[in-house]
Amino acid sequence: MINTIHIGETDSTNDEAKRRLRAGEALLGYVITAGMQTSGRGRFGKSFWSPGGDSVYASFIIDLPENLAEQRITIYAAVAVCLALEKTTMYRPGIRGVNDLIVDKRKICGILAESVPGAVVLGIGVNINLDIDCFPEELREEAGSLNMEKETRARFFDALVEEVFRCMAIAENTDSPEAASLMDEYKARSALTEKPAEA
């Protein structure tokens, strides 16, 4: 059974998950979600604009080996988001780098994996039903948003939780055929003309 804690507003679901993990209010296997983030962030400290709408802002608290590279975790998570979208919608996103998902050349999802003592906190933000004109001006050229009905959004979130935990279970053994298959899935969806990032 997946335990989900929903918060109306927080600074960052990753930071919220880490605070609750330290306080014993959330455990391995929990998912922390928020209606909006005031200080959402991505890799390298970049901000992730998170105004709400029907967007998904979720952080997964996962039991993974401490020596597993955050980049590889991010790659598997990107594949998980793609699979969840492909199961429940007509969208077929590409993966840019390791942590951005794009549709029609616009970023619709960002991913951030952070190692903490005894766990990995995996943050995923997906833009849904947002008006691009409401984005900060500097983001309007590259930001995108998915259109979803309420029922579709609910199905997508359920599929996302399922795929994230399935892919993270595979991540525990990076030498397995299943892990190799996930890397193939990543390479097939790579939206870059360059060689996909090695992990």
C-alpha atoms as a PDB file:
ATOM      1  CA  MET A   1       0.000   0.000   0.000  1.00  0.00           C
ATOM      2  CA  ILE A   2       1.312   3.434  -0.987  1.00  0.00           C
ATOM      3  CA  ASN A   3       0.986   6.164   1.632  1.00  0.00           C
ATOM      4  CA  THR A   4       0.385   9.620   0.159  1.00  0.00           C
ATOM      5  CA  ILE A   5       0.535  12.879   2.108  1.00  0.00           C
ATOM      6  CA  HIS A   6      -0.971  15.867   0.300  1.00  0.00           C
ATOM      7  CA  ILE A   7      -0.198  19.457   1.249  1.00  0.00           C
ATOM      8  CA  GLY A   8      -1.922  22.487  -0.215  1.00  0.00           C
ATOM      9  CA  GLU A   9       1.253  24.572  -0.450  1.00  0.00           C
ATOM     10  CA  THR A  10       4.894  24.006   0.451  1.00  0.00           C
ATOM     11  CA  ASP A  11       8.279  25.401  -0.474  1.00  0.00           C
ATOM     12  CA  SER A  12       9.419  22.205  -2.193  1.00  0.00           C
ATOM     13  CA  THR A  13       7.999  18.700  -1.992  1.00  0.00           C
ATOM     14  CA  ASN A  14      11.553  17.350  -1.801  1.00  0.00           C
ATOM     15  CA  ASP A  15      12.321  19.557   1.194  1.00  0.00           C
ATOM     16  CA  GLU A  16       8.946  18.673   2.729  1.00  0.00           C
ATOM     17  CA  ALA A  17       9.703  14.976   2.280  1.00  0.00           C
ATOM     18  CA  LYS A  18      13.112  15.353   3.909  1.00  0.00           C
ATOM     19  CA  ARG A  19      11.676  17.252   6.870  1.00  0.00           C
ATOM     20  CA  ARG A  20       8.947  14.664   7.404  1.00  0.00           C
ATOM     21  CA  LEU A  21      11.424  11.825   6.996  1.00  0.00           C
ATOM     22  CA  ARG A  22      13.663  13.298   9.704  1.00  0.00           C
ATOM     23  CA  ALA A  23      10.668  13.854  11.977  1.00  0.00           C
ATOM     24  CA  GLY A  24       9.372  10.324  11.465  1.00  0.00           C
ATOM     25  CA  GLU A  25       6.173  11.637   9.851  1.00  0.00           C
ATOM     26  CA  ALA A  26       6.969   9.922   6.564  1.00  0.00           C
ATOM     27  CA  LEU A  27       8.755   6.654   5.866  1.00  0.00           C
ATOM     28  CA  LEU A  28      10.242   4.754   2.975  1.00  0.00           C
ATOM     29  CA  GLY A  29       7.572   4.243   0.333  1.00  0.00           C
ATOM     30  CA  TYR A  30       5.699   7.436   1.105  1.00  0.00           C
ATOM     31  CA  VAL A  31       4.731   9.991  -1.558  1.00  0.00           C
ATOM     32  CA  ILE A  32       4.491  13.680  -0.666  1.00  0.00           C
ATOM     33  CA  THR A  33       2.386  15.826  -3.007  1.00  0.00           C
ATOM     34  CA  ALA A  34       1.505  19.521  -3.049  1.00  0.00           C
ATOM     35  CA  GLY A  35      -0.974  21.754  -4.805  1.00  0.00           C
ATOM     36  CA  MET A  36       1.766  24.308  -5.406  1.00  0.00           C
ATOM     37  CA  GLN A  37       5.398  24.969  -4.536  1.00  0.00           C
ATOM     38  CA  THR A  38       6.794  28.358  -3.624  1.00  0.00           C
ATOM     39  CA  SER A  39      10.446  27.336  -4.097  1.00  0.00           C
ATOM     40  CA  GLY A  40      10.385  24.379  -6.455  1.00  0.00           C
ATOM     41  CA  ARG A  41      13.797  23.513  -7.832  1.00  0.00           C
ATOM     42  CA  GLY A  42      15.565  21.243 -10.264  1.00  0.00           C
ATOM     43  CA  ARG A  43      19.115  20.075 -10.847  1.00  0.00           C
ATOM     44  CA  PHE A  44      22.012  22.441 -10.191  1.00  0.00           C
ATOM     45  CA  GLY A  45      19.787  24.622  -8.002  1.00  0.00           C
ATOM     46  CA  LYS A  46      17.673  25.886 -10.894  1.00  0.00           C
ATOM     47  CA  SER A  47      14.188  27.027  -9.945  1.00  0.00           C
ATOM     48  CA  PHE A  48      11.125  25.079 -11.115  1.00  0.00           C
ATOM     49  CA  TRP A  49       8.117  27.373 -11.427  1.00  0.00           C
ATOM     50  CA  SER A  50       5.246  25.610  -9.665  1.00  0.00           C
ATOM     51  CA  PRO A  51       2.049  27.696  -9.641  1.00  0.00           C
ATOM     52  CA  GLY A  52      -0.372  24.835  -9.190  1.00  0.00           C
ATOM     53  CA  GLY A  53      -3.318  24.341 -11.494  1.00  0.00           C
ATOM     54  CA  ASP A  54      -3.723  20.612 -11.994  1.00  0.00           C
ATOM     55  CA  SER A  55       0.027  20.061 -12.109  1.00  0.00           C
ATOM     56  CA  VAL A  56       1.649  17.144 -10.333  1.00  0.00           C
ATOM     57  CA  TYR A  57       4.279  18.045  -7.748  1.00  0.00           C
ATOM     58  CA  ALA A  58       5.316  14.848  -5.990  1.00  0.00           C
ATOM     59  CA  SER A  59       8.291  13.515  -4.058  1.00  0.00           C
ATOM     60  CA  PHE A  60       8.850   9.804  -3.561  1.00  0.00           C
ATOM     61  CA  ILE A  61      10.815   8.492  -0.576  1.00  0.00           C
ATOM     62  CA  ILE A  62      12.622   5.443  -1.891  1.00  0.00           C
ATOM     63  CA  ASP A  63      14.933   2.824  -0.430  1.00  0.00           C
ATOM     64  CA  LEU A  64      17.849   2.588  -2.850  1.00  0.00           C
ATOM     65  CA  PRO A  65      21.535   1.678  -2.518  1.00  0.00           C
ATOM     66  CA  GLU A  66      23.683   4.601  -1.384  1.00  0.00           C
ATOM     67  CA  ASN A  67      26.164   3.991  -4.208  1.00  0.00           C
ATOM     68  CA  LEU A  68      23.542   4.277  -6.949  1.00  0.00           C
ATOM     69  CA  ALA A  69      24.250   7.418  -8.964  1.00  0.00           C
ATOM     70  CA  GLU A  70      21.583  10.102  -8.777  1.00  0.00           C
ATOM     71  CA  GLN A  71      21.892  10.513 -12.547  1.00  0.00           C
ATOM     72  CA  ARG A  72      20.913   6.897 -13.147  1.00  0.00           C
ATOM     73  CA  ILE A  73      17.988   7.219 -10.722  1.00  0.00           C
ATOM     74  CA  THR A  74      16.884  10.297 -12.653  1.00  0.00           C
ATOM     75  CA  ILE A  75      17.089   8.439 -15.955  1.00  0.00           C
ATOM     76  CA  TYR A  76      14.892   5.626 -14.653  1.00  0.00           C
ATOM     77  CA  ALA A  77      12.445   8.159 -13.223  1.00  0.00           C
ATOM     78  CA  ALA A  78      12.232   9.949 -16.581  1.00  0.00           C
ATOM     79  CA  VAL A  79      11.350   6.657 -18.229  1.00  0.00           C
ATOM     80  CA  ALA A  80       8.723   6.024 -15.541  1.00  0.00           C
ATOM     81  CA  VAL A  81       7.027   9.365 -16.258  1.00  0.00           C
ATOM     82  CA  CYS A  82       7.060   8.643 -19.996  1.00  0.00           C
ATOM     83  CA  LEU A  83       5.509   5.223 -19.482  1.00  0.00           C
ATOM     84  CA  ALA A  84       2.808   6.631 -17.188  1.00  0.00           C
ATOM     85  CA  LEU A  85       1.900   9.301 -19.734  1.00  0.00           C
ATOM     86  CA  GLU A  86       1.889   6.803 -22.576  1.00  0.00           C
ATOM     87  CA  LYS A  87      -0.388   4.474 -20.633  1.00  0.00           C
ATOM     88  CA  THR A  88      -2.990   7.106 -19.820  1.00  0.00           C
ATOM     89  CA  THR A  89      -2.780   9.829 -22.491  1.00  0.00           C
ATOM     90  CA  MET A  90      -1.957  10.387 -26.152  1.00  0.00           C
ATOM     91  CA  TYR A  91       1.269  12.209 -25.228  1.00  0.00           C
ATOM     92  CA  ARG A  92       4.615  10.674 -26.250  1.00  0.00           C
ATOM     93  CA  PRO A  93       7.260  12.770 -24.510  1.00  0.00           C
ATOM     94  CA  GLY A  94      10.946  12.842 -25.245  1.00  0.00           C
ATOM     95  CA  ILE A  95      13.710  13.035 -22.645  1.00  0.00           C
ATOM     96  CA  ARG A  96      16.151  15.941 -22.834  1.00  0.00           C
ATOM     97  CA  GLY A  97      19.375  15.301 -21.004  1.00  0.00           C
ATOM     98  CA  VAL A  98      18.363  13.100 -18.079  1.00  0.00           C
ATOM     99  CA  ASN A  99      15.816  15.111 -16.137  1.00  0.00           C
ATOM    100  CA  ASP A 100      13.614  17.103 -18.538  1.00  0.00           C
ATOM    101  CA  LEU A 101      10.650  15.713 -20.455  1.00  0.00           C
ATOM    102  CA  ILE A 102       9.553  17.581 -23.543  1.00  0.00           C
ATOM    103  CA  VAL A 103       6.442  17.593 -25.718  1.00  0.00           C
ATOM    104  CA  ASP A 104       6.410  19.654 -28.929  1.00  0.00           C
ATOM    105  CA  LYS A 105       9.893  20.933 -28.037  1.00  0.00           C
ATOM    106  CA  ARG A 106       8.627  22.374 -24.735  1.00  0.00           C
ATOM    107  CA  LYS A 107       9.570  21.254 -21.225  1.00  0.00           C
ATOM    108  CA  ILE A 108       6.599  19.741 -19.439  1.00  0.00           C
ATOM    109  CA  CYS A 109       8.355  17.892 -16.609  1.00  0.00           C
ATOM    110  CA  GLY A 110      11.403  18.227 -14.381  1.00  0.00           C
ATOM    111  CA  ILE A 111      12.968  15.618 -12.113  1.00  0.00           C
ATOM    112  CA  LEU A 112      15.302  15.942  -9.115  1.00  0.00           C
ATOM    113  CA  ALA A 113      16.818  13.024  -7.183  1.00  0.00           C
ATOM    114  CA  GLU A 114      18.507  13.770  -3.862  1.00  0.00           C
ATOM    115  CA  SER A 115      20.267  11.282  -1.613  1.00  0.00           C
ATOM    116  CA  VAL A 116      19.617  11.538   2.122  1.00  0.00           C
ATOM    117  CA  PRO A 117      20.692   9.200   4.922  1.00  0.00           C
ATOM    118  CA  GLY A 118      18.941   5.885   4.359  1.00  0.00           C
ATOM    119  CA  ALA A 119      16.868   6.953   1.361  1.00  0.00           C
ATOM    120  CA  VAL A 120      16.567   8.792  -1.924  1.00  0.00           C
ATOM    121  CA  VAL A 121      14.031  11.591  -2.309  1.00  0.00           C
ATOM    122  CA  LEU A 122      12.836  11.722  -5.902  1.00  0.00           C
ATOM    123  CA  GLY A 123      10.949  14.844  -6.950  1.00  0.00           C
ATOM    124  CA  ILE A 124       8.833  14.952 -10.103  1.00  0.00           C
ATOM    125  CA  GLY A 125       6.964  17.998 -11.388  1.00  0.00           C
ATOM    126  CA  VAL A 126       4.615  17.773 -14.379  1.00  0.00           C
ATOM    127  CA  ASN A 127       2.899  20.870 -15.804  1.00  0.00           C
ATOM    128  CA  ILE A 128      -0.807  20.219 -16.392  1.00  0.00           C
ATOM    129  CA  ASN A 129      -3.540  22.639 -17.515  1.00  0.00           C
ATOM    130  CA  LEU A 130      -1.402  25.752 -17.175  1.00  0.00           C
ATOM    131  CA  ASP A 131      -1.688  28.862 -19.356  1.00  0.00           C
ATOM    132  CA  ILE A 132       1.735  29.459 -20.903  1.00  0.00           C
ATOM    133  CA  ASP A 133       1.088  33.219 -20.862  1.00  0.00           C
ATOM    134  CA  CYS A 134       1.093  33.015 -17.064  1.00  0.00           C
ATOM    135  CA  PHE A 135       4.663  31.676 -16.984  1.00  0.00           C
ATOM    136  CA  PRO A 136       7.470  34.127 -16.220  1.00  0.00           C
ATOM    137  CA  GLU A 137       8.499  35.794 -19.474  1.00  0.00           C
ATOM    138  CA  GLU A 138      11.909  34.110 -19.511  1.00  0.00           C
ATOM    139  CA  LEU A 139      10.258  30.673 -19.490  1.00  0.00           C
ATOM    140  CA  ARG A 140       7.527  31.162 -22.075  1.00  0.00           C
ATOM    141  CA  GLU A 141       9.658  30.130 -25.043  1.00  0.00           C
ATOM    142  CA  GLU A 142      10.554  26.739 -23.629  1.00  0.00           C
ATOM    143  CA  ALA A 143       7.913  25.843 -21.027  1.00  0.00           C
ATOM    144  CA  GLY A 144       4.953  23.653 -21.909  1.00  0.00           C
ATOM    145  CA  SER A 145       1.888  22.216 -20.257  1.00  0.00           C
ATOM    146  CA  LEU A 146      -0.234  19.120 -20.862  1.00  0.00           C
ATOM    147  CA  ASN A 147      -3.993  19.286 -21.245  1.00  0.00           C
ATOM    148  CA  MET A 148      -5.880  16.712 -19.180  1.00  0.00           C
ATOM    149  CA  GLU A 149      -9.399  16.118 -17.998  1.00  0.00           C
ATOM    150  CA  LYS A 150      -9.819  15.521 -14.259  1.00  0.00           C
ATOM    151  CA  GLU A 151     -10.328  11.761 -14.687  1.00  0.00           C
ATOM    152  CA  THR A 152      -7.302  11.461 -16.965  1.00  0.00           C
ATOM    153  CA  ARG A 153      -5.161  13.372 -14.518  1.00  0.00           C
ATOM    154  CA  ALA A 154      -6.189  10.973 -11.733  1.00  0.00           C
ATOM    155  CA  ARG A 155      -5.349   7.955 -13.905  1.00  0.00           C
ATOM    156  CA  PHE A 156      -2.018   9.488 -14.825  1.00  0.00           C
ATOM    157  CA  PHE A 157      -1.073  10.068 -11.196  1.00  0.00           C
ATOM    158  CA  ASP A 158      -1.935   6.477 -10.259  1.00  0.00           C
ATOM    159  CA  ALA A 159       0.099   5.191 -13.208  1.00  0.00           C
ATOM    160  CA  LEU A 160       2.981   7.492 -12.250  1.00  0.00           C
ATOM    161  CA  VAL A 161       3.148   6.107  -8.726  1.00  0.00           C
ATOM    162  CA  GLU A 162       3.037   2.551 -10.060  1.00  0.00           C
ATOM    163  CA  GLU A 163       5.731   3.125 -12.679  1.00  0.00           C
ATOM    164  CA  VAL A 164       8.063   5.053 -10.378  1.00  0.00           C
ATOM    165  CA  PHE A 165       8.109   2.334  -7.734  1.00  0.00           C
ATOM    166  CA  ARG A 166       8.394  -0.388 -10.398  1.00  0.00           C
ATOM    167  CA  CYS A 167      11.334   1.319 -12.087  1.00  0.00           C
ATOM    168  CA  MET A 168      13.026   2.085  -8.766  1.00  0.00           C
ATOM    169  CA  ALA A 169      12.743  -1.575  -7.771  1.00  0.00           C
ATOM    170  CA  ILE A 170      14.539  -2.438 -11.006  1.00  0.00           C
ATOM    171  CA  ALA A 171      17.154   0.211 -10.218  1.00  0.00           C
ATOM    172  CA  GLU A 172      18.299  -1.797  -7.206  1.00  0.00           C
ATOM    173  CA  ASN A 173      20.104  -4.165  -9.597  1.00  0.00           C
ATOM    174  CA  THR A 174      21.691  -2.106 -12.348  1.00  0.00           C
ATOM    175  CA  ASP A 175      23.191  -5.211 -13.979  1.00  0.00           C
ATOM    176  CA  SER A 176      19.846  -6.939 -14.529  1.00  0.00           C
ATOM    177  CA  PRO A 177      18.217  -7.374 -17.951  1.00  0.00           C
ATOM    178  CA  GLU A 178      15.309  -5.249 -16.701  1.00  0.00           C
ATOM    179  CA  ALA A 179      17.685  -2.370 -15.900  1.00  0.00           C
ATOM    180  CA  ALA A 180      19.269  -2.684 -19.334  1.00  0.00           C
ATOM    181  CA  SER A 181      15.782  -2.529 -20.832  1.00  0.00           C
ATOM    182  CA  LEU A 182      15.072   0.721 -18.975  1.00  0.00           C
ATOM    183  CA  MET A 183      18.281   2.208 -20.353  1.00  0.00           C
ATOM    184  CA  ASP A 184      17.161   1.185 -23.842  1.00  0.00           C
ATOM    185  CA  GLU A 185      13.822   2.885 -23.169  1.00  0.00           C
ATOM    186  CA  TYR A 186      15.683   6.033 -22.149  1.00  0.00           C
ATOM    187  CA  LYS A 187      17.877   6.036 -25.245  1.00  0.00           C
ATOM    188  CA  ALA A 188      14.870   5.497 -27.501  1.00  0.00           C
ATOM    189  CA  ARG A 189      13.201   8.578 -26.013  1.00  0.00           C
ATOM    190  CA  SER A 190      16.271  10.787 -25.899  1.00  0.00           C
ATOM    191  CA  ALA A 191      15.316  14.072 -27.538  1.00  0.00           C
ATOM    192  CA  LEU A 192      18.900  15.182 -28.059  1.00  0.00           C
ATOM    193  CA  THR A 193      20.837  14.785 -31.258  1.00  0.00           C
ATOM    194  CA  GLU A 194      23.941  14.072 -29.196  1.00  0.00           C
ATOM    195  CA  LYS A 195      24.696  10.730 -27.623  1.00  0.00           C
ATOM    196  CA  PRO A 196      22.497  10.263 -24.503  1.00  0.00           C
ATOM    197  CA  ALA A 197      24.243  10.919 -21.215  1.00  0.00           C
ATOM    198  CA  GLU A 198      26.148   7.962 -19.816  1.00  0.00           C
ATOM    199  CA  ALA A 199      25.275   6.762 -16.316  1.00  0.00           C
END
